[in-house]
Amino acid sequence: MKNILLLTDFSENSINAIRYALQQFESDKCNFSVLNVQSSSSFMSDDLMLSGNQSLYDSIIKKTKDKLDELVAKLKDEFETKTYSIKSIVDYDNLTDSINQIKTSKNIDLVVMGSNGVTGASEVIFGSNTINVIRKVDCPTLVIPKGFKYRPPNEILLPLDLTDSLSGNAFADAVSFVKRFGKKIHLLRIKPNNEDSEEELKDKENISAFLKEIPHEYHVITGIPIELTVDSYTQTHHIDLTILLVQKESLFERFFTGSPTTKISNNIRVPLLIFHS
């Protein structure tokens, strides 16, 4: 049984991400929770004044809950299946705090979000909400780019920085996903400045141990920035999904928050599945 948390702000991007998840796991027995998080910044003082004698719940939460229930009802009609359930949750909290609380209470296995996070069309794929979820929520997270139409994740790309290990828990999770859903994995050990990498020395042994039953390619890329490597490889190979192994202080952590962010945010072409080391 999988417990999957689907984030929505009712935007087209977030609903597209929900549909992707429902299609991806249609043959699995899953509990889906569709979450909308309301924050204090969403409301003006006039909204509360106009509520009159209504309770805070009726004036703020109930309207959103009704809208969310309507969305869930439409999804149930669209995806008629007995293999999973879909329920709605409205929370009035900080986004990552809300996700972490629900992750614990409902034993969430995966968080799914659209390219705009949950705050609006001004965000791009690595906008502030997406970054905060990746940083502060220790749970696998699937991010779906704007307008991406579902296709099975047969060909999966795994970029590796200097310190990403092919023997850690995050890589084990990635291998499990590929075995369950994919057909082939492409591994890229990326060294933008041709640095030495202790993990690279172990790659051949780890690949032989953990990928012997999975079709794979392995390449070492030097002298090219990460965002250009990922984008070029995605365009020249039929990649359906990219997996990232995220750890604190890793090259990808700097990559998410540094100057290349804008470049890659505008070039991400396929869904991203993040596993935490």
C-alpha atoms as a PDB file:
ATOM      1  CA  MET A   1       0.000   0.000   0.000  1.00  0.00           C
ATOM      2  CA  LYS A   2       1.423   3.374  -1.025  1.00  0.00           C
ATOM      3  CA  ASN A   3       0.426   6.616   0.667  1.00  0.00           C
ATOM      4  CA  ILE A   4       0.903   9.503  -1.740  1.00  0.00           C
ATOM      5  CA  LEU A   5       0.432  13.202  -0.994  1.00  0.00           C
ATOM      6  CA  LEU A   6      -0.667  15.365  -3.943  1.00  0.00           C
ATOM      7  CA  LEU A   7      -0.241  19.139  -3.613  1.00  0.00           C
ATOM      8  CA  THR A   8      -2.616  21.526  -5.357  1.00  0.00           C
ATOM      9  CA  ASP A   9      -3.362  25.223  -5.537  1.00  0.00           C
ATOM     10  CA  PHE A  10      -6.088  24.461  -8.116  1.00  0.00           C
ATOM     11  CA  SER A  11      -3.805  25.646 -10.918  1.00  0.00           C
ATOM     12  CA  GLU A  12      -3.609  23.765 -14.206  1.00  0.00           C
ATOM     13  CA  ASN A  13      -0.024  22.756 -13.414  1.00  0.00           C
ATOM     14  CA  SER A  14      -0.859  21.216 -10.053  1.00  0.00           C
ATOM     15  CA  ILE A  15      -3.845  19.320 -11.449  1.00  0.00           C
ATOM     16  CA  ASN A  16      -1.704  18.071 -14.330  1.00  0.00           C
ATOM     17  CA  ALA A  17       0.768  16.718 -11.752  1.00  0.00           C
ATOM     18  CA  ILE A  18      -2.060  14.963  -9.912  1.00  0.00           C
ATOM     19  CA  ARG A  19      -3.216  13.321 -13.133  1.00  0.00           C
ATOM     20  CA  TYR A  20       0.359  12.195 -13.817  1.00  0.00           C
ATOM     21  CA  ALA A  21       0.530  10.496 -10.421  1.00  0.00           C
ATOM     22  CA  LEU A  22      -2.858   8.825 -10.807  1.00  0.00           C
ATOM     23  CA  GLN A  23      -1.779   7.414 -14.169  1.00  0.00           C
ATOM     24  CA  GLN A  24       1.666   6.375 -12.939  1.00  0.00           C
ATOM     25  CA  PHE A  25       0.296   4.360 -10.030  1.00  0.00           C
ATOM     26  CA  GLU A  26      -2.995   3.230 -11.566  1.00  0.00           C
ATOM     27  CA  SER A  27      -2.163  -0.462 -11.137  1.00  0.00           C
ATOM     28  CA  ASP A  28      -0.971  -0.059  -7.544  1.00  0.00           C
ATOM     29  CA  LYS A  29      -3.020  -0.104  -4.376  1.00  0.00           C
ATOM     30  CA  CYS A  30      -2.646   3.465  -3.135  1.00  0.00           C
ATOM     31  CA  ASN A  31      -4.116   5.996  -0.747  1.00  0.00           C
ATOM     32  CA  PHE A  32      -3.977   9.444  -2.348  1.00  0.00           C
ATOM     33  CA  SER A  33      -4.402  12.574  -0.229  1.00  0.00           C
ATOM     34  CA  VAL A  34      -4.966  15.814  -2.154  1.00  0.00           C
ATOM     35  CA  LEU A  35      -3.693  18.730  -0.065  1.00  0.00           C
ATOM     36  CA  ASN A  36      -4.385  22.436  -0.343  1.00  0.00           C
ATOM     37  CA  VAL A  37      -2.517  24.616   2.147  1.00  0.00           C
ATOM     38  CA  GLN A  38      -3.957  27.991   3.060  1.00  0.00           C
ATOM     39  CA  SER A  39      -1.637  30.604   4.549  1.00  0.00           C
ATOM     40  CA  SER A  40      -2.452  33.835   6.343  1.00  0.00           C
ATOM     41  CA  SER A  41      -1.162  35.820   3.368  1.00  0.00           C
ATOM     42  CA  SER A  42      -3.999  34.358   1.294  1.00  0.00           C
ATOM     43  CA  PHE A  43      -6.577  36.452   3.134  1.00  0.00           C
ATOM     44  CA  MET A  44      -7.175  40.154   3.644  1.00  0.00           C
ATOM     45  CA  SER A  45      -8.661  41.614   6.810  1.00  0.00           C
ATOM     46  CA  ASP A  46     -11.737  42.510   4.727  1.00  0.00           C
ATOM     47  CA  ASP A  47     -12.332  38.806   4.105  1.00  0.00           C
ATOM     48  CA  LEU A  48     -12.663  38.202   7.826  1.00  0.00           C
ATOM     49  CA  MET A  49     -14.790  41.298   8.375  1.00  0.00           C
ATOM     50  CA  LEU A  50     -17.192  40.223   5.646  1.00  0.00           C
ATOM     51  CA  SER A  51     -17.589  36.857   7.318  1.00  0.00           C
ATOM     52  CA  GLY A  52     -19.783  38.509   9.950  1.00  0.00           C
ATOM     53  CA  ASN A  53     -20.956  35.970  12.481  1.00  0.00           C
ATOM     54  CA  GLN A  54     -19.597  33.048  10.524  1.00  0.00           C
ATOM     55  CA  SER A  55     -16.868  31.060  12.192  1.00  0.00           C
ATOM     56  CA  LEU A  56     -13.320  31.307  10.875  1.00  0.00           C
ATOM     57  CA  TYR A  57     -13.717  27.764   9.553  1.00  0.00           C
ATOM     58  CA  ASP A  58     -16.888  28.612   7.605  1.00  0.00           C
ATOM     59  CA  SER A  59     -15.503  31.860   6.205  1.00  0.00           C
ATOM     60  CA  ILE A  60     -12.112  30.533   5.120  1.00  0.00           C
ATOM     61  CA  ILE A  61     -11.617  26.792   5.264  1.00  0.00           C
ATOM     62  CA  LYS A  62     -15.059  25.493   4.255  1.00  0.00           C
ATOM     63  CA  LYS A  63     -15.102  27.348   0.934  1.00  0.00           C
ATOM     64  CA  THR A  64     -11.719  25.866   0.026  1.00  0.00           C
ATOM     65  CA  LYS A  65     -12.729  22.431   1.319  1.00  0.00           C
ATOM     66  CA  ASP A  66     -15.830  22.442  -0.899  1.00  0.00           C
ATOM     67  CA  LYS A  67     -13.719  23.406  -3.903  1.00  0.00           C
ATOM     68  CA  LEU A  68     -11.213  20.661  -3.127  1.00  0.00           C
ATOM     69  CA  ASP A  69     -13.945  18.059  -2.640  1.00  0.00           C
ATOM     70  CA  GLU A  70     -15.321  19.027  -6.048  1.00  0.00           C
ATOM     71  CA  LEU A  71     -11.905  18.468  -7.611  1.00  0.00           C
ATOM     72  CA  VAL A  72     -11.563  15.066  -5.905  1.00  0.00           C
ATOM     73  CA  ALA A  73     -15.021  14.046  -7.137  1.00  0.00           C
ATOM     74  CA  LYS A  74     -14.010  14.909 -10.720  1.00  0.00           C
ATOM     75  CA  LEU A  75     -10.783  12.912 -10.371  1.00  0.00           C
ATOM     76  CA  LYS A  76     -12.696   9.894  -9.075  1.00  0.00           C
ATOM     77  CA  ASP A  77     -15.011  10.069 -12.086  1.00  0.00           C
ATOM     78  CA  GLU A  78     -12.075  10.436 -14.468  1.00  0.00           C
ATOM     79  CA  PHE A  79     -10.012   7.621 -12.949  1.00  0.00           C
ATOM     80  CA  GLU A  80     -12.500   4.895 -12.164  1.00  0.00           C
ATOM     81  CA  THR A  81     -10.565   2.297 -10.223  1.00  0.00           C
ATOM     82  CA  LYS A  82     -10.930   0.147  -7.139  1.00  0.00           C
ATOM     83  CA  THR A  83      -7.191  -0.032  -6.517  1.00  0.00           C
ATOM     84  CA  TYR A  84      -6.877   3.283  -4.713  1.00  0.00           C
ATOM     85  CA  SER A  85      -8.708   5.900  -2.685  1.00  0.00           C
ATOM     86  CA  ILE A  86      -8.600   9.702  -3.057  1.00  0.00           C
ATOM     87  CA  LYS A  87      -9.300  12.015  -0.133  1.00  0.00           C
ATOM     88  CA  SER A  88      -9.036  15.776   0.352  1.00  0.00           C
ATOM     89  CA  ILE A  89      -7.185  17.736   3.042  1.00  0.00           C
ATOM     90  CA  VAL A  90      -7.238  21.488   3.654  1.00  0.00           C
ATOM     91  CA  ASP A  91      -4.697  22.870   6.104  1.00  0.00           C
ATOM     92  CA  TYR A  92      -4.082  26.383   7.414  1.00  0.00           C
ATOM     93  CA  ASP A  93      -0.342  26.363   8.041  1.00  0.00           C
ATOM     94  CA  ASN A  94       3.126  26.862   6.644  1.00  0.00           C
ATOM     95  CA  LEU A  95       3.512  24.652   3.560  1.00  0.00           C
ATOM     96  CA  THR A  96       6.444  22.508   4.665  1.00  0.00           C
ATOM     97  CA  ASP A  97       5.173  22.257   8.255  1.00  0.00           C
ATOM     98  CA  SER A  98       1.853  21.013   6.921  1.00  0.00           C
ATOM     99  CA  ILE A  99       3.510  18.456   4.646  1.00  0.00           C
ATOM    100  CA  ASN A 100       5.724  17.182   7.449  1.00  0.00           C
ATOM    101  CA  GLN A 101       2.780  16.787   9.817  1.00  0.00           C
ATOM    102  CA  ILE A 102       0.754  14.889   7.229  1.00  0.00           C
ATOM    103  CA  LYS A 103       3.804  12.824   6.247  1.00  0.00           C
ATOM    104  CA  THR A 104       4.030  11.599   9.842  1.00  0.00           C
ATOM    105  CA  SER A 105       0.318  11.113  10.523  1.00  0.00           C
ATOM    106  CA  LYS A 106      -0.424   9.335   7.242  1.00  0.00           C
ATOM    107  CA  ASN A 107       2.939   7.593   6.679  1.00  0.00           C
ATOM    108  CA  ILE A 108       3.413   9.346   3.338  1.00  0.00           C
ATOM    109  CA  ASP A 109       5.722   7.541   0.906  1.00  0.00           C
ATOM    110  CA  LEU A 110       5.789  10.171  -1.863  1.00  0.00           C
ATOM    111  CA  VAL A 111       4.977  13.859  -2.336  1.00  0.00           C
ATOM    112  CA  VAL A 112       3.859  14.994  -5.801  1.00  0.00           C
ATOM    113  CA  MET A 113       3.802  18.628  -6.903  1.00  0.00           C
ATOM    114  CA  GLY A 114       3.459  20.588 -10.119  1.00  0.00           C
ATOM    115  CA  SER A 115       6.097  22.851 -11.583  1.00  0.00           C
ATOM    116  CA  ASN A 116       4.685  25.940  -9.905  1.00  0.00           C
ATOM    117  CA  GLY A 117       4.718  24.572  -6.377  1.00  0.00           C
ATOM    118  CA  VAL A 118       1.521  25.682  -4.660  1.00  0.00           C
ATOM    119  CA  THR A 119       1.608  29.474  -4.834  1.00  0.00           C
ATOM    120  CA  GLY A 120       0.854  30.557  -8.380  1.00  0.00           C
ATOM    121  CA  ALA A 121       1.981  31.022 -11.927  1.00  0.00           C
ATOM    122  CA  SER A 122       4.948  33.241 -11.093  1.00  0.00           C
ATOM    123  CA  GLU A 123       6.932  30.251  -9.829  1.00  0.00           C
ATOM    124  CA  VAL A 124       9.094  28.095 -12.100  1.00  0.00           C
ATOM    125  CA  ILE A 125      10.051  24.513 -11.562  1.00  0.00           C
ATOM    126  CA  PHE A 126      12.642  25.295  -8.931  1.00  0.00           C
ATOM    127  CA  GLY A 127      10.713  28.130  -7.355  1.00  0.00           C
ATOM    128  CA  SER A 128      10.843  28.800  -3.635  1.00  0.00           C
ATOM    129  CA  ASN A 129       8.145  26.284  -2.696  1.00  0.00           C
ATOM    130  CA  THR A 130       9.781  23.446  -4.578  1.00  0.00           C
ATOM    131  CA  ILE A 131      13.162  24.247  -3.053  1.00  0.00           C
ATOM    132  CA  ASN A 132      11.658  24.383   0.443  1.00  0.00           C
ATOM    133  CA  VAL A 133       9.920  21.037   0.038  1.00  0.00           C
ATOM    134  CA  ILE A 134      13.129  19.406  -1.230  1.00  0.00           C
ATOM    135  CA  ARG A 135      15.152  20.912   1.621  1.00  0.00           C
ATOM    136  CA  LYS A 136      12.759  20.595   4.543  1.00  0.00           C
ATOM    137  CA  VAL A 137      10.659  17.517   3.802  1.00  0.00           C
ATOM    138  CA  ASP A 138      12.570  14.266   4.127  1.00  0.00           C
ATOM    139  CA  CYS A 139      10.417  12.311   1.707  1.00  0.00           C
ATOM    140  CA  PRO A 140      10.734  11.287  -1.939  1.00  0.00           C
ATOM    141  CA  THR A 141       9.310  14.093  -4.059  1.00  0.00           C
ATOM    142  CA  LEU A 142       8.092  13.974  -7.645  1.00  0.00           C
ATOM    143  CA  VAL A 143       7.998  17.299  -9.539  1.00  0.00           C
ATOM    144  CA  ILE A 144       6.100  17.460 -12.838  1.00  0.00           C
ATOM    145  CA  PRO A 145       7.047  20.191 -15.372  1.00  0.00           C
ATOM    146  CA  LYS A 146       4.427  22.527 -16.724  1.00  0.00           C
ATOM    147  CA  GLY A 147       2.361  20.935 -19.472  1.00  0.00           C
ATOM    148  CA  PHE A 148       4.132  17.560 -19.341  1.00  0.00           C
ATOM    149  CA  LYS A 149       1.812  14.817 -20.563  1.00  0.00           C
ATOM    150  CA  TYR A 150       2.123  11.453 -18.916  1.00  0.00           C
ATOM    151  CA  ARG A 151       4.231   8.748 -20.496  1.00  0.00           C
ATOM    152  CA  PRO A 152       5.671   5.689 -18.741  1.00  0.00           C
ATOM    153  CA  PRO A 153       9.126   6.376 -17.239  1.00  0.00           C
ATOM    154  CA  ASN A 154      10.888   3.735 -19.306  1.00  0.00           C
ATOM    155  CA  GLU A 155      14.177   5.614 -19.825  1.00  0.00           C
ATOM    156  CA  ILE A 156      15.462   7.166 -16.603  1.00  0.00           C
ATOM    157  CA  LEU A 157      18.381   9.573 -16.198  1.00  0.00           C
ATOM    158  CA  LEU A 158      20.439   9.681 -12.988  1.00  0.00           C
ATOM    159  CA  PRO A 159      22.991  12.547 -12.864  1.00  0.00           C
ATOM    160  CA  LEU A 160      25.642  12.109 -10.164  1.00  0.00           C
ATOM    161  CA  ASP A 161      27.770  14.801  -8.589  1.00  0.00           C
ATOM    162  CA  LEU A 162      31.240  14.257  -7.122  1.00  0.00           C
ATOM    163  CA  THR A 163      29.947  12.837  -3.835  1.00  0.00           C
ATOM    164  CA  ASP A 164      26.793  10.941  -4.855  1.00  0.00           C
ATOM    165  CA  SER A 165      27.222   7.319  -3.844  1.00  0.00           C
ATOM    166  CA  LEU A 166      25.978   4.254  -5.707  1.00  0.00           C
ATOM    167  CA  SER A 167      25.911   2.303  -2.459  1.00  0.00           C
ATOM    168  CA  GLY A 168      23.762   4.569  -0.273  1.00  0.00           C
ATOM    169  CA  ASN A 169      20.082   4.420   0.678  1.00  0.00           C
ATOM    170  CA  ALA A 170      19.063   7.057  -1.856  1.00  0.00           C
ATOM    171  CA  PHE A 171      20.557   5.057  -4.710  1.00  0.00           C
ATOM    172  CA  ALA A 172      18.892   1.897  -3.386  1.00  0.00           C
ATOM    173  CA  ASP A 173      15.553   3.728  -3.529  1.00  0.00           C
ATOM    174  CA  ALA A 174      16.304   4.831  -7.091  1.00  0.00           C
ATOM    175  CA  VAL A 175      17.144   1.265  -8.130  1.00  0.00           C
ATOM    176  CA  SER A 176      13.900  -0.005  -6.597  1.00  0.00           C
ATOM    177  CA  PHE A 177      11.933   2.570  -8.583  1.00  0.00           C
ATOM    178  CA  VAL A 178      13.693   1.661 -11.830  1.00  0.00           C
ATOM    179  CA  LYS A 179      13.087  -2.048 -11.259  1.00  0.00           C
ATOM    180  CA  ARG A 180       9.398  -1.391 -10.590  1.00  0.00           C
ATOM    181  CA  PHE A 181       8.637   1.107 -13.344  1.00  0.00           C
ATOM    182  CA  GLY A 182      11.564   1.653 -15.716  1.00  0.00           C
ATOM    183  CA  LYS A 183      13.294  -0.280 -18.463  1.00  0.00           C
ATOM    184  CA  LYS A 184      16.711   1.383 -18.527  1.00  0.00           C
ATOM    185  CA  ILE A 185      18.791   3.768 -16.420  1.00  0.00           C
ATOM    186  CA  HIS A 186      21.366   6.248 -17.746  1.00  0.00           C
ATOM    187  CA  LEU A 187      24.023   7.236 -15.185  1.00  0.00           C
ATOM    188  CA  LEU A 188      26.088  10.398 -15.689  1.00  0.00           C
ATOM    189  CA  ARG A 189      28.999  11.080 -13.337  1.00  0.00           C
ATOM    190  CA  ILE A 190      29.381  14.840 -13.864  1.00  0.00           C
ATOM    191  CA  LYS A 191      32.645  16.648 -13.062  1.00  0.00           C
ATOM    192  CA  PRO A 192      32.257  20.255 -14.262  1.00  0.00           C
ATOM    193  CA  ASN A 193      35.885  21.153 -13.505  1.00  0.00           C
ATOM    194  CA  ASN A 194      37.342  17.672 -13.989  1.00  0.00           C
ATOM    195  CA  GLU A 195      37.731  17.259 -10.221  1.00  0.00           C
ATOM    196  CA  ASP A 196      38.772  14.007  -8.606  1.00  0.00           C
ATOM    197  CA  SER A 197      35.911  11.930  -7.233  1.00  0.00           C
ATOM    198  CA  GLU A 198      36.390   9.136  -4.724  1.00  0.00           C
ATOM    199  CA  GLU A 199      32.918   7.833  -5.508  1.00  0.00           C
ATOM    200  CA  GLU A 200      33.763   7.523  -9.201  1.00  0.00           C
ATOM    201  CA  LEU A 201      36.435   4.957  -8.299  1.00  0.00           C
ATOM    202  CA  LYS A 202      33.737   2.767  -6.747  1.00  0.00           C
ATOM    203  CA  ASP A 203      31.185   3.133  -9.562  1.00  0.00           C
ATOM    204  CA  LYS A 204      32.195   0.105 -11.625  1.00  0.00           C
ATOM    205  CA  GLU A 205      32.019  -2.233  -8.628  1.00  0.00           C
ATOM    206  CA  ASN A 206      28.690  -0.803  -7.428  1.00  0.00           C
ATOM    207  CA  ILE A 207      27.142  -0.937 -10.888  1.00  0.00           C
ATOM    208  CA  SER A 208      28.131  -4.603 -11.195  1.00  0.00           C
ATOM    209  CA  ALA A 209      26.618  -5.320  -7.781  1.00  0.00           C
ATOM    210  CA  PHE A 210      23.371  -3.368  -7.970  1.00  0.00           C
ATOM    211  CA  LEU A 211      22.491  -2.970 -11.667  1.00  0.00           C
ATOM    212  CA  LYS A 212      23.360  -6.371 -13.078  1.00  0.00           C
ATOM    213  CA  GLU A 213      19.671  -7.090 -13.778  1.00  0.00           C
ATOM    214  CA  ILE A 214      18.855  -3.628 -15.154  1.00  0.00           C
ATOM    215  CA  PRO A 215      19.832  -2.356 -18.626  1.00  0.00           C
ATOM    216  CA  HIS A 216      22.046   0.679 -18.113  1.00  0.00           C
ATOM    217  CA  GLU A 217      24.519   3.129 -19.582  1.00  0.00           C
ATOM    218  CA  TYR A 218      27.289   4.851 -17.657  1.00  0.00           C
ATOM    219  CA  HIS A 219      29.192   7.969 -18.724  1.00  0.00           C
ATOM    220  CA  VAL A 220      31.679  10.325 -17.082  1.00  0.00           C
ATOM    221  CA  ILE A 221      31.180  13.917 -18.237  1.00  0.00           C
ATOM    222  CA  THR A 222      33.910  16.492 -17.595  1.00  0.00           C
ATOM    223  CA  GLY A 223      34.258  20.197 -18.227  1.00  0.00           C
ATOM    224  CA  ILE A 224      30.553  20.907 -18.778  1.00  0.00           C
ATOM    225  CA  PRO A 225      28.178  22.588 -16.295  1.00  0.00           C
ATOM    226  CA  ILE A 226      25.582  20.322 -14.741  1.00  0.00           C
ATOM    227  CA  GLU A 227      22.539  22.132 -16.104  1.00  0.00           C
ATOM    228  CA  LEU A 228      23.890  21.953 -19.669  1.00  0.00           C
ATOM    229  CA  THR A 229      24.805  18.278 -19.303  1.00  0.00           C
ATOM    230  CA  VAL A 230      21.369  17.305 -18.037  1.00  0.00           C
ATOM    231  CA  ASP A 231      19.522  19.374 -20.625  1.00  0.00           C
ATOM    232  CA  SER A 232      21.652  18.165 -23.551  1.00  0.00           C
ATOM    233  CA  TYR A 233      21.425  14.514 -22.567  1.00  0.00           C
ATOM    234  CA  THR A 234      17.662  14.778 -22.108  1.00  0.00           C
ATOM    235  CA  GLN A 235      17.325  16.188 -25.617  1.00  0.00           C
ATOM    236  CA  THR A 236      19.641  13.700 -27.331  1.00  0.00           C
ATOM    237  CA  HIS A 237      18.205  10.640 -25.586  1.00  0.00           C
ATOM    238  CA  HIS A 238      14.564   9.720 -25.079  1.00  0.00           C
ATOM    239  CA  ILE A 239      14.560  10.358 -21.325  1.00  0.00           C
ATOM    240  CA  ASP A 240      11.194  10.069 -19.577  1.00  0.00           C
ATOM    241  CA  LEU A 241      12.199  10.968 -16.023  1.00  0.00           C
ATOM    242  CA  THR A 242      15.236  12.256 -14.110  1.00  0.00           C
ATOM    243  CA  ILE A 243      16.163  11.055 -10.629  1.00  0.00           C
ATOM    244  CA  LEU A 244      18.217  13.268  -8.329  1.00  0.00           C
ATOM    245  CA  LEU A 245      19.988  12.130  -5.145  1.00  0.00           C
ATOM    246  CA  VAL A 246      19.881  15.095  -2.780  1.00  0.00           C
ATOM    247  CA  GLN A 247      22.093  15.493   0.254  1.00  0.00           C
ATOM    248  CA  LYS A 248      23.014  18.492   2.370  1.00  0.00           C
ATOM    249  CA  GLU A 249      25.941  20.527   1.118  1.00  0.00           C
ATOM    250  CA  SER A 250      26.084  18.507  -2.099  1.00  0.00           C
ATOM    251  CA  LEU A 251      26.801  20.007  -5.463  1.00  0.00           C
ATOM    252  CA  PHE A 252      23.130  19.695  -6.285  1.00  0.00           C
ATOM    253  CA  GLU A 253      22.213  21.639  -3.144  1.00  0.00           C
ATOM    254  CA  ARG A 254      24.360  24.500  -4.403  1.00  0.00           C
ATOM    255  CA  PHE A 255      23.004  23.879  -7.863  1.00  0.00           C
ATOM    256  CA  PHE A 256      19.405  24.303  -6.672  1.00  0.00           C
ATOM    257  CA  THR A 257      20.062  27.596  -4.949  1.00  0.00           C
ATOM    258  CA  GLY A 258      22.902  29.148  -6.948  1.00  0.00           C
ATOM    259  CA  SER A 259      23.123  31.042 -10.206  1.00  0.00           C
ATOM    260  CA  PRO A 260      22.407  28.050 -12.499  1.00  0.00           C
ATOM    261  CA  THR A 261      18.900  27.774 -11.014  1.00  0.00           C
ATOM    262  CA  THR A 262      17.257  30.067 -13.545  1.00  0.00           C
ATOM    263  CA  LYS A 263      18.986  28.310 -16.429  1.00  0.00           C
ATOM    264  CA  ILE A 264      17.864  24.835 -15.487  1.00  0.00           C
ATOM    265  CA  SER A 265      14.430  25.920 -14.300  1.00  0.00           C
ATOM    266  CA  ASN A 266      13.642  27.070 -17.805  1.00  0.00           C
ATOM    267  CA  ASN A 267      15.085  23.939 -19.423  1.00  0.00           C
ATOM    268  CA  ILE A 268      13.698  21.055 -17.346  1.00  0.00           C
ATOM    269  CA  ARG A 269      11.882  18.875 -19.841  1.00  0.00           C
ATOM    270  CA  VAL A 270      10.875  15.744 -17.902  1.00  0.00           C
ATOM    271  CA  PRO A 271       9.634  14.956 -14.386  1.00  0.00           C
ATOM    272  CA  LEU A 272      12.111  14.960 -11.505  1.00  0.00           C
ATOM    273  CA  LEU A 273      12.048  12.357  -8.752  1.00  0.00           C
ATOM    274  CA  ILE A 274      14.108  13.372  -5.729  1.00  0.00           C
ATOM    275  CA  PHE A 275      15.464  10.879  -3.185  1.00  0.00           C
ATOM    276  CA  HIS A 276      17.216  12.095  -0.026  1.00  0.00           C
ATOM    277  CA  SER A 277      20.515  10.641   1.102  1.00  0.00           C
END
